[in-house]
Structure formats: C-alpha cells, structure tokens
Amino acid sequence: MKGSSARLGGITKELRAQWLDTKSYWRDAQCEEFEHRYMEELFASVDRAVTVMEQLDKLLTKIKQDCE
C-alpha cells in the first residue's frame, strides 16, 4: 500500500509540473475552465486518496503486528 501511494503521489507531482508547463502556453478562458473543471478536482482527489492510502497502510501494519 505504501509503495502505491508513493507512486501515485510521484506521478501526480509530475502531472502538476507538466500542467504548469502547459499553462504557460495555453492562456485563455478555456484553459481556466479546464483547470477548474478537471485539474483542480483531480489533484484534490489524488491528495485525499494518498492520505487514505497512508492511513490504511498504518492500519494494516498495526493489524499485522497485533496478529503476530
């Protein structure tokens, strides 16, 4: 679980960097609409998912330790 959350976080970080690069060339109302409609929600959802995955990893580790 921990590896997956780290990978998802890394991929999202790369996507953010590429999006910022794209925004430097694409500067119109459609860009802003696309960002608000898709990118902001995507980044917020990924941030929440990574947090939950890290919490699940901690819980699974505790459960494993309790069962040993």
PDB file of N, CA and C in Angstrom:
ATOM      1  N   MET A   1       0.826  -1.186   0.000  1.00  0.00           N
ATOM      2  CA  MET A   1       0.000   0.000   0.000  1.00  0.00           C
ATOM      3  C   MET A   1       0.880   1.263   0.000  1.00  0.00           C
ATOM      4  N   LYS A   2       1.934   1.234   0.814  1.00  0.00           N
ATOM      5  CA  LYS A   2       2.802   2.402   0.924  1.00  0.00           C
ATOM      6  C   LYS A   2       3.472   2.718  -0.418  1.00  0.00           C
ATOM      7  N   GLY A   3       3.914   1.687  -1.106  1.00  0.00           N
ATOM      8  CA  GLY A   3       4.549   1.895  -2.403  1.00  0.00           C
ATOM      9  C   GLY A   3       3.585   2.472  -3.422  1.00  0.00           C
ATOM     10  N   SER A   4       2.354   2.010  -3.376  1.00  0.00           N
ATOM     11  CA  SER A   4       1.349   2.512  -4.321  1.00  0.00           C
ATOM     12  C   SER A   4       1.033   3.982  -4.070  1.00  0.00           C
ATOM     13  N   SER A   5       0.915   4.350  -2.802  1.00  0.00           N
ATOM     14  CA  SER A   5       0.610   5.753  -2.508  1.00  0.00           C
ATOM     15  C   SER A   5       1.787   6.646  -2.903  1.00  0.00           C
ATOM     16  N   ALA A   6       2.998   6.174  -2.696  1.00  0.00           N
ATOM     17  CA  ALA A   6       4.177   6.955  -3.095  1.00  0.00           C
ATOM     18  C   ALA A   6       4.236   7.094  -4.613  1.00  0.00           C
ATOM     19  N   ARG A   7       3.927   6.027  -5.309  1.00  0.00           N
ATOM     20  CA  ARG A   7       3.936   6.069  -6.782  1.00  0.00           C
ATOM     21  C   ARG A   7       2.868   7.027  -7.303  1.00  0.00           C
ATOM     22  N   LEU A   8       1.667   6.934  -6.731  1.00  0.00           N
ATOM     23  CA  LEU A   8       0.583   7.827  -7.137  1.00  0.00           C
ATOM     24  C   LEU A   8       0.951   9.280  -6.857  1.00  0.00           C
ATOM     25  N   GLY A   9       1.547   9.540  -5.709  1.00  0.00           N
ATOM     26  CA  GLY A   9       1.986  10.893  -5.382  1.00  0.00           C
ATOM     27  C   GLY A   9       3.041  11.399  -6.349  1.00  0.00           C
ATOM     28  N   GLY A  10       3.980  10.544  -6.708  1.00  0.00           N
ATOM     29  CA  GLY A  10       5.032  10.928  -7.641  1.00  0.00           C
ATOM     30  C   GLY A  10       4.507  11.210  -9.032  1.00  0.00           C
ATOM     31  N   ILE A  11       3.621  10.366  -9.496  1.00  0.00           N
ATOM     32  CA  ILE A  11       3.031  10.555 -10.827  1.00  0.00           C
ATOM     33  C   ILE A  11       2.224  11.848 -10.860  1.00  0.00           C
ATOM     34  N   THR A  12       1.505  12.116  -9.776  1.00  0.00           N
ATOM     35  CA  THR A  12       0.706  13.342  -9.707  1.00  0.00           C
ATOM     36  C   THR A  12       1.600  14.572  -9.666  1.00  0.00           C
ATOM     37  N   LYS A  13       2.715  14.477  -8.973  1.00  0.00           N
ATOM     38  CA  LYS A  13       3.665  15.593  -8.928  1.00  0.00           C
ATOM     39  C   LYS A  13       4.180  15.895 -10.334  1.00  0.00           C
ATOM     40  N   GLU A  14       4.476  14.845 -11.079  1.00  0.00           N
ATOM     41  CA  GLU A  14       4.937  15.008 -12.459  1.00  0.00           C
ATOM     42  C   GLU A  14       3.846  15.636 -13.329  1.00  0.00           C
ATOM     43  N   LEU A  15       2.610  15.189 -13.140  1.00  0.00           N
ATOM     44  CA  LEU A  15       1.487  15.745 -13.894  1.00  0.00           C
ATOM     45  C   LEU A  15       1.302  17.225 -13.571  1.00  0.00           C
ATOM     46  N   ARG A  16       1.424  17.587 -12.287  1.00  0.00           N
ATOM     47  CA  ARG A  16       1.313  19.010 -11.903  1.00  0.00           C
ATOM     48  C   ARG A  16       2.366  19.844 -12.638  1.00  0.00           C
ATOM     49  N   ALA A  17       3.591  19.351 -12.687  1.00  0.00           N
ATOM     50  CA  ALA A  17       4.669  20.079 -13.356  1.00  0.00           C
ATOM     51  C   ALA A  17       4.365  20.238 -14.849  1.00  0.00           C
ATOM     52  N   GLN A  18       3.865  19.186 -15.461  1.00  0.00           N
ATOM     53  CA  GLN A  18       3.538  19.264 -16.885  1.00  0.00           C
ATOM     54  C   GLN A  18       2.348  20.187 -17.134  1.00  0.00           C
ATOM     55  N   TRP A  19       1.405  20.174 -16.203  1.00  0.00           N
ATOM     56  CA  TRP A  19       0.253  21.063 -16.339  1.00  0.00           C
ATOM     57  C   TRP A  19       0.703  22.522 -16.244  1.00  0.00           C
ATOM     58  N   LEU A  20       1.594  22.821 -15.296  1.00  0.00           N
ATOM     59  CA  LEU A  20       2.107  24.186 -15.171  1.00  0.00           C
ATOM     60  C   LEU A  20       2.835  24.615 -16.444  1.00  0.00           C
ATOM     61  N   ASP A  21       3.562  23.691 -17.040  1.00  0.00           N
ATOM     62  CA  ASP A  21       4.243  23.986 -18.305  1.00  0.00           C
ATOM     63  C   ASP A  21       3.222  24.252 -19.407  1.00  0.00           C
ATOM     64  N   THR A  22       2.183  23.448 -19.461  1.00  0.00           N
ATOM     65  CA  THR A  22       1.129  23.623 -20.464  1.00  0.00           C
ATOM     66  C   THR A  22       0.444  24.976 -20.299  1.00  0.00           C
ATOM     67  N   LYS A  23       0.186  25.358 -19.038  1.00  0.00           N
ATOM     68  CA  LYS A  23      -0.484  26.638 -18.779  1.00  0.00           C
ATOM     69  C   LYS A  23       0.348  27.828 -19.242  1.00  0.00           C
ATOM     70  N   SER A  24       1.650  27.671 -19.319  1.00  0.00           N
ATOM     71  CA  SER A  24       2.469  28.792 -19.773  1.00  0.00           C
ATOM     72  C   SER A  24       2.266  29.064 -21.270  1.00  0.00           C
ATOM     73  N   TYR A  25       1.730  28.076 -21.994  1.00  0.00           N
ATOM     74  CA  TYR A  25       1.457  28.239 -23.421  1.00  0.00           C
ATOM     75  C   TYR A  25      -0.025  28.416 -23.719  1.00  0.00           C
ATOM     76  N   TRP A  26      -0.851  27.863 -22.867  1.00  0.00           N
ATOM     77  CA  TRP A  26      -2.302  27.861 -23.093  1.00  0.00           C
ATOM     78  C   TRP A  26      -2.926  28.841 -22.105  1.00  0.00           C
ATOM     79  N   ARG A  27      -3.144  30.062 -22.556  1.00  0.00           N
ATOM     80  CA  ARG A  27      -3.620  31.125 -21.664  1.00  0.00           C
ATOM     81  C   ARG A  27      -4.907  31.742 -22.196  1.00  0.00           C
ATOM     82  N   ASP A  28      -5.997  31.042 -22.031  1.00  0.00           N
ATOM     83  CA  ASP A  28      -7.274  31.620 -22.420  1.00  0.00           C
ATOM     84  C   ASP A  28      -8.359  31.131 -21.459  1.00  0.00           C
ATOM     85  N   ALA A  29      -9.583  31.520 -21.733  1.00  0.00           N
ATOM     86  CA  ALA A  29     -10.699  31.166 -20.853  1.00  0.00           C
ATOM     87  C   ALA A  29     -10.913  29.655 -20.807  1.00  0.00           C
ATOM     88  N   GLN A  30     -10.671  28.981 -21.909  1.00  0.00           N
ATOM     89  CA  GLN A  30     -10.849  27.526 -21.933  1.00  0.00           C
ATOM     90  C   GLN A  30      -9.837  26.832 -21.036  1.00  0.00           C
ATOM     91  N   CYS A  31      -8.631  27.371 -20.976  1.00  0.00           N
ATOM     92  CA  CYS A  31      -7.611  26.822 -20.078  1.00  0.00           C
ATOM     93  C   CYS A  31      -8.079  26.927 -18.635  1.00  0.00           C
ATOM     94  N   GLU A  32      -8.564  28.096 -18.269  1.00  0.00           N
ATOM     95  CA  GLU A  32      -9.044  28.298 -16.905  1.00  0.00           C
ATOM     96  C   GLU A  32     -10.216  27.377 -16.588  1.00  0.00           C
ATOM     97  N   GLU A  33     -11.129  27.253 -17.526  1.00  0.00           N
ATOM     98  CA  GLU A  33     -12.279  26.370 -17.331  1.00  0.00           C
ATOM     99  C   GLU A  33     -11.824  24.915 -17.170  1.00  0.00           C
ATOM    100  N   PHE A  34     -10.902  24.490 -18.009  1.00  0.00           N
ATOM    101  CA  PHE A  34     -10.381  23.124 -17.928  1.00  0.00           C
ATOM    102  C   PHE A  34      -9.714  22.881 -16.579  1.00  0.00           C
ATOM    103  N   GLU A  35      -8.921  23.860 -16.146  1.00  0.00           N
ATOM    104  CA  GLU A  35      -8.238  23.715 -14.864  1.00  0.00           C
ATOM    105  C   GLU A  35      -9.239  23.601 -13.719  1.00  0.00           C
ATOM    106  N   HIS A  36     -10.221  24.486 -13.689  1.00  0.00           N
ATOM    107  CA  HIS A  36     -11.207  24.459 -12.611  1.00  0.00           C
ATOM    108  C   HIS A  36     -12.094  23.217 -12.678  1.00  0.00           C
ATOM    109  N   ARG A  37     -12.425  22.812 -13.877  1.00  0.00           N
ATOM    110  CA  ARG A  37     -13.361  21.695 -14.042  1.00  0.00           C
ATOM    111  C   ARG A  37     -12.700  20.336 -13.818  1.00  0.00           C
ATOM    112  N   TYR A  38     -11.449  20.191 -14.240  1.00  0.00           N
ATOM    113  CA  TYR A  38     -10.818  18.879 -14.198  1.00  0.00           C
ATOM    114  C   TYR A  38      -9.575  18.794 -13.312  1.00  0.00           C
ATOM    115  N   MET A  39      -8.630  19.670 -13.550  1.00  0.00           N
ATOM    116  CA  MET A  39      -7.333  19.523 -12.885  1.00  0.00           C
ATOM    117  C   MET A  39      -7.409  19.750 -11.378  1.00  0.00           C
ATOM    118  N   GLU A  40      -8.102  20.796 -10.951  1.00  0.00           N
ATOM    119  CA  GLU A  40      -8.198  21.064  -9.514  1.00  0.00           C
ATOM    120  C   GLU A  40      -8.848  19.892  -8.781  1.00  0.00           C
ATOM    121  N   GLU A  41      -9.925  19.364  -9.342  1.00  0.00           N
ATOM    122  CA  GLU A  41     -10.610  18.227  -8.709  1.00  0.00           C
ATOM    123  C   GLU A  41      -9.728  16.978  -8.723  1.00  0.00           C
ATOM    124  N   LEU A  42      -9.029  16.770  -9.824  1.00  0.00           N
ATOM    125  CA  LEU A  42      -8.134  15.615  -9.909  1.00  0.00           C
ATOM    126  C   LEU A  42      -7.053  15.688  -8.837  1.00  0.00           C
ATOM    127  N   PHE A  43      -6.395  16.833  -8.731  1.00  0.00           N
ATOM    128  CA  PHE A  43      -5.324  16.973  -7.742  1.00  0.00           C
ATOM    129  C   PHE A  43      -5.849  16.840  -6.322  1.00  0.00           C
ATOM    130  N   ALA A  44      -7.007  17.420  -6.038  1.00  0.00           N
ATOM    131  CA  ALA A  44      -7.599  17.307  -4.700  1.00  0.00           C
ATOM    132  C   ALA A  44      -7.966  15.851  -4.397  1.00  0.00           C
ATOM    133  N   SER A  45      -8.522  15.155  -5.367  1.00  0.00           N
ATOM    134  CA  SER A  45      -8.904  13.752  -5.170  1.00  0.00           C
ATOM    135  C   SER A  45      -7.687  12.866  -4.936  1.00  0.00           C
ATOM    136  N   VAL A  46      -6.639  13.107  -5.685  1.00  0.00           N
ATOM    137  CA  VAL A  46      -5.418  12.322  -5.505  1.00  0.00           C
ATOM    138  C   VAL A  46      -4.816  12.595  -4.129  1.00  0.00           C
ATOM    139  N   ASP A  47      -4.797  13.845  -3.711  1.00  0.00           N
ATOM    140  CA  ASP A  47      -4.263  14.170  -2.382  1.00  0.00           C
ATOM    141  C   ASP A  47      -5.041  13.434  -1.294  1.00  0.00           C
ATOM    142  N   ARG A  48      -6.361  13.419  -1.417  1.00  0.00           N
ATOM    143  CA  ARG A  48      -7.196  12.700  -0.434  1.00  0.00           C
ATOM    144  C   ARG A  48      -6.921  11.196  -0.498  1.00  0.00           C
ATOM    145  N   ALA A  49      -6.801  10.662  -1.693  1.00  0.00           N
ATOM    146  CA  ALA A  49      -6.554   9.227  -1.852  1.00  0.00           C
ATOM    147  C   ALA A  49      -5.214   8.826  -1.252  1.00  0.00           C
ATOM    148  N   VAL A  50      -4.185   9.623  -1.478  1.00  0.00           N
ATOM    149  CA  VAL A  50      -2.862   9.322  -0.923  1.00  0.00           C
ATOM    150  C   VAL A  50      -2.924   9.322   0.605  1.00  0.00           C
ATOM    151  N   THR A  51      -3.627  10.288   1.170  1.00  0.00           N
ATOM    152  CA  THR A  51      -3.775  10.349   2.626  1.00  0.00           C
ATOM    153  C   THR A  51      -4.465   9.100   3.160  1.00  0.00           C
ATOM    154  N   VAL A  52      -5.532   8.691   2.510  1.00  0.00           N
ATOM    155  CA  VAL A  52      -6.267   7.498   2.939  1.00  0.00           C
ATOM    156  C   VAL A  52      -5.410   6.249   2.775  1.00  0.00           C
ATOM    157  N   MET A  53      -4.662   6.165   1.691  1.00  0.00           N
ATOM    158  CA  MET A  53      -3.794   5.008   1.474  1.00  0.00           C
ATOM    159  C   MET A  53      -2.721   4.924   2.557  1.00  0.00           C
ATOM    160  N   GLU A  54      -2.176   6.065   2.956  1.00  0.00           N
ATOM    161  CA  GLU A  54      -1.178   6.064   4.032  1.00  0.00           C
ATOM    162  C   GLU A  54      -1.801   5.632   5.353  1.00  0.00           C
ATOM    163  N   GLN A  55      -3.028   6.073   5.621  1.00  0.00           N
ATOM    164  CA  GLN A  55      -3.721   5.657   6.840  1.00  0.00           C
ATOM    165  C   GLN A  55      -4.005   4.152   6.812  1.00  0.00           C
ATOM    166  N   LEU A  56      -4.412   3.643   5.665  1.00  0.00           N
ATOM    167  CA  LEU A  56      -4.663   2.209   5.528  1.00  0.00           C
ATOM    168  C   LEU A  56      -3.386   1.400   5.734  1.00  0.00           C
ATOM    169  N   ASP A  57      -2.279   1.906   5.217  1.00  0.00           N
ATOM    170  CA  ASP A  57      -1.004   1.225   5.397  1.00  0.00           C
ATOM    171  C   ASP A  57      -0.658   1.122   6.881  1.00  0.00           C
ATOM    172  N   LYS A  58      -0.855   2.208   7.612  1.00  0.00           N
ATOM    173  CA  LYS A  58      -0.592   2.188   9.055  1.00  0.00           C
ATOM    174  C   LYS A  58      -1.504   1.190   9.758  1.00  0.00           C
ATOM    175  N   LEU A  59      -2.775   1.178   9.381  1.00  0.00           N
ATOM    176  CA  LEU A  59      -3.728   0.262   9.987  1.00  0.00           C
ATOM    177  C   LEU A  59      -3.374  -1.196   9.688  1.00  0.00           C
ATOM    178  N   LEU A  60      -3.019  -1.463   8.441  1.00  0.00           N
ATOM    179  CA  LEU A  60      -2.641  -2.834   8.080  1.00  0.00           C
ATOM    180  C   LEU A  60      -1.373  -3.272   8.813  1.00  0.00           C
ATOM    181  N   THR A  61      -0.438  -2.381   8.981  1.00  0.00           N
ATOM    182  CA  THR A  61       0.779  -2.690   9.739  1.00  0.00           C
ATOM    183  C   THR A  61       0.445  -3.020  11.177  1.00  0.00           C
ATOM    184  N   LYS A  62      -0.441  -2.232  11.776  1.00  0.00           N
ATOM    185  CA  LYS A  62      -0.844  -2.478  13.169  1.00  0.00           C
ATOM    186  C   LYS A  62      -1.562  -3.817  13.288  1.00  0.00           C
ATOM    187  N   ILE A  63      -2.454  -4.101  12.359  1.00  0.00           N
ATOM    188  CA  ILE A  63      -3.191  -5.363  12.398  1.00  0.00           C
ATOM    189  C   ILE A  63      -2.215  -6.542  12.286  1.00  0.00           C
ATOM    190  N   LYS A  64      -1.261  -6.425  11.385  1.00  0.00           N
ATOM    191  CA  LYS A  64      -0.269  -7.478  11.203  1.00  0.00           C
ATOM    192  C   LYS A  64       0.530  -7.689  12.494  1.00  0.00           C
ATOM    193  N   GLN A  65       0.950  -6.589  13.125  1.00  0.00           N
ATOM    194  CA  GLN A  65       1.699  -6.700  14.371  1.00  0.00           C
ATOM    195  C   GLN A  65       0.856  -7.315  15.488  1.00  0.00           C
ATOM    196  N   ASP A  66      -0.410  -6.948  15.537  1.00  0.00           N
ATOM    197  CA  ASP A  66      -1.306  -7.487  16.564  1.00  0.00           C
ATOM    198  C   ASP A  66      -1.539  -8.991  16.386  1.00  0.00           C
ATOM    199  N   CYS A  67      -1.487  -9.447  15.163  1.00  0.00           N
ATOM    200  CA  CYS A  67      -1.735 -10.865  14.894  1.00  0.00           C
ATOM    201  C   CYS A  67      -0.508 -11.742  15.090  1.00  0.00           C
ATOM    202  N   GLU A  68       0.649 -11.133  15.245  1.00  0.00           N
ATOM    203  CA  GLU A  68       1.872 -11.929  15.401  1.00  0.00           C
ATOM    204  C   GLU A  68       2.097 -12.305  16.847  1.00  0.00           C
TER     205      GLU A  68
END
